[in-house]
């Protein structure tokens, strides 16, 4: 197997682990945001911010991994 192919698959596994972790964190903070929304709005605001940070990092991770995966697949 070529080194380039191994790098592509390793990148997919690593990106999947990062994206999976961020999606679990986003789900947890979304639940906490809605749980605290009525009783403590300042805590809910913190969880809302953390939720959006996790979502943005998740999307960026998937985008960067996708671009690197495609670029490693091309031959010059």
C-alpha atoms as a PDB file:
ATOM      1  CA  UNK A   1       0.000   0.000   0.000  1.00  0.00           C
ATOM      2  CA  UNK A   2       1.292   3.452  -0.830  1.00  0.00           C
ATOM      3  CA  UNK A   3       2.269   5.980   1.777  1.00  0.00           C
ATOM      4  CA  UNK A   4      -0.170   8.465   0.291  1.00  0.00           C
ATOM      5  CA  UNK A   5      -3.074   6.036   0.720  1.00  0.00           C
ATOM      6  CA  UNK A   6      -2.096   5.322   4.313  1.00  0.00           C
ATOM      7  CA  UNK A   7      -1.898   9.050   4.995  1.00  0.00           C
ATOM      8  CA  UNK A   8      -5.377   9.557   3.527  1.00  0.00           C
ATOM      9  CA  UNK A   9      -6.901   6.818   5.666  1.00  0.00           C
ATOM     10  CA  UNK A  10      -5.064   7.990   8.764  1.00  0.00           C
ATOM     11  CA  UNK A  11      -6.344  11.495   8.133  1.00  0.00           C
ATOM     12  CA  UNK A  12      -9.907  10.213   7.849  1.00  0.00           C
ATOM     13  CA  UNK A  13      -9.625   8.268  11.106  1.00  0.00           C
ATOM     14  CA  UNK A  14      -8.069  11.212  12.948  1.00  0.00           C
ATOM     15  CA  UNK A  15     -10.646  13.650  11.543  1.00  0.00           C
ATOM     16  CA  UNK A  16     -13.433  11.260  12.442  1.00  0.00           C
ATOM     17  CA  UNK A  17     -12.215  11.070  16.014  1.00  0.00           C
ATOM     18  CA  UNK A  18     -12.022  14.857  16.291  1.00  0.00           C
ATOM     19  CA  UNK A  19     -15.406  15.369  14.671  1.00  0.00           C
ATOM     20  CA  UNK A  20     -17.006  12.686  16.813  1.00  0.00           C
ATOM     21  CA  UNK A  21     -15.699  14.249  19.980  1.00  0.00           C
ATOM     22  CA  UNK A  22     -16.914  17.701  18.985  1.00  0.00           C
ATOM     23  CA  UNK A  23     -20.346  16.389  18.008  1.00  0.00           C
ATOM     24  CA  UNK A  24     -20.711  14.718  21.427  1.00  0.00           C
ATOM     25  CA  UNK A  25     -19.624  17.945  23.127  1.00  0.00           C
ATOM     26  CA  UNK A  26     -22.056  19.974  21.009  1.00  0.00           C
ATOM     27  CA  UNK A  27     -24.921  17.648  21.894  1.00  0.00           C
ATOM     28  CA  UNK A  28     -24.082  17.853  25.595  1.00  0.00           C
ATOM     29  CA  UNK A  29     -23.861  21.645  25.603  1.00  0.00           C
ATOM     30  CA  UNK A  30     -27.093  21.919  23.583  1.00  0.00           C
ATOM     31  CA  UNK A  31     -28.887  19.879  26.241  1.00  0.00           C
ATOM     32  CA  UNK A  32     -27.404  21.982  29.033  1.00  0.00           C
ATOM     33  CA  UNK A  33     -28.273  25.206  27.207  1.00  0.00           C
ATOM     34  CA  UNK A  34     -31.929  24.221  27.001  1.00  0.00           C
ATOM     35  CA  UNK A  35     -31.977  22.833  30.533  1.00  0.00           C
ATOM     36  CA  UNK A  36     -30.716  26.110  32.031  1.00  0.00           C
ATOM     37  CA  UNK A  37     -32.635  28.450  29.704  1.00  0.00           C
ATOM     38  CA  UNK A  38     -35.532  29.073  32.085  1.00  0.00           C
ATOM     39  CA  UNK A  39     -33.840  28.896  35.479  1.00  0.00           C
ATOM     40  CA  UNK A  40     -30.512  30.659  34.919  1.00  0.00           C
ATOM     41  CA  UNK A  41     -30.185  32.664  31.684  1.00  0.00           C
ATOM     42  CA  UNK A  42     -26.531  33.577  32.267  1.00  0.00           C
ATOM     43  CA  UNK A  43     -25.546  29.905  32.505  1.00  0.00           C
ATOM     44  CA  UNK A  44     -27.670  29.189  29.451  1.00  0.00           C
ATOM     45  CA  UNK A  45     -25.788  31.912  27.585  1.00  0.00           C
ATOM     46  CA  UNK A  46     -22.468  30.243  28.404  1.00  0.00           C
ATOM     47  CA  UNK A  47     -23.732  26.880  27.168  1.00  0.00           C
ATOM     48  CA  UNK A  48     -25.118  28.492  24.013  1.00  0.00           C
ATOM     49  CA  UNK A  49     -21.715  30.020  23.281  1.00  0.00           C
ATOM     50  CA  UNK A  50     -19.986  26.698  23.910  1.00  0.00           C
ATOM     51  CA  UNK A  51     -22.491  24.955  21.636  1.00  0.00           C
ATOM     52  CA  UNK A  52     -21.757  27.283  18.735  1.00  0.00           C
ATOM     53  CA  UNK A  53     -17.997  27.034  19.282  1.00  0.00           C
ATOM     54  CA  UNK A  54     -18.262  23.237  19.134  1.00  0.00           C
ATOM     55  CA  UNK A  55     -20.390  23.373  15.979  1.00  0.00           C
ATOM     56  CA  UNK A  56     -17.982  25.743  14.220  1.00  0.00           C
ATOM     57  CA  UNK A  57     -14.979  23.588  15.142  1.00  0.00           C
ATOM     58  CA  UNK A  58     -16.864  20.496  13.949  1.00  0.00           C
ATOM     59  CA  UNK A  59     -17.643  22.054  10.571  1.00  0.00           C
ATOM     60  CA  UNK A  60     -14.095  23.360  10.157  1.00  0.00           C
ATOM     61  CA  UNK A  61     -12.636  19.971  11.040  1.00  0.00           C
ATOM     62  CA  UNK A  62     -14.825  18.202   8.495  1.00  0.00           C
ATOM     63  CA  UNK A  63     -14.029  20.791   5.841  1.00  0.00           C
ATOM     64  CA  UNK A  64     -10.275  20.708   6.378  1.00  0.00           C
ATOM     65  CA  UNK A  65     -10.180  16.909   6.497  1.00  0.00           C
ATOM     66  CA  UNK A  66     -12.260  16.761   3.319  1.00  0.00           C
ATOM     67  CA  UNK A  67      -9.951  19.164   1.499  1.00  0.00           C
ATOM     68  CA  UNK A  68      -6.820  17.353   2.634  1.00  0.00           C
ATOM     69  CA  UNK A  69      -8.338  14.001   1.705  1.00  0.00           C
ATOM     70  CA  UNK A  70      -9.087  15.207  -1.800  1.00  0.00           C
ATOM     71  CA  UNK A  71      -5.702  16.865  -2.214  1.00  0.00           C
ATOM     72  CA  UNK A  72      -3.851  13.721  -1.111  1.00  0.00           C
ATOM     73  CA  UNK A  73      -5.809  11.700  -3.625  1.00  0.00           C
ATOM     74  CA  UNK A  74      -4.680  13.694  -6.637  1.00  0.00           C
ATOM     75  CA  UNK A  75      -1.493  12.856  -8.461  1.00  0.00           C
ATOM     76  CA  UNK A  76       0.666  15.549  -9.966  1.00  0.00           C
END
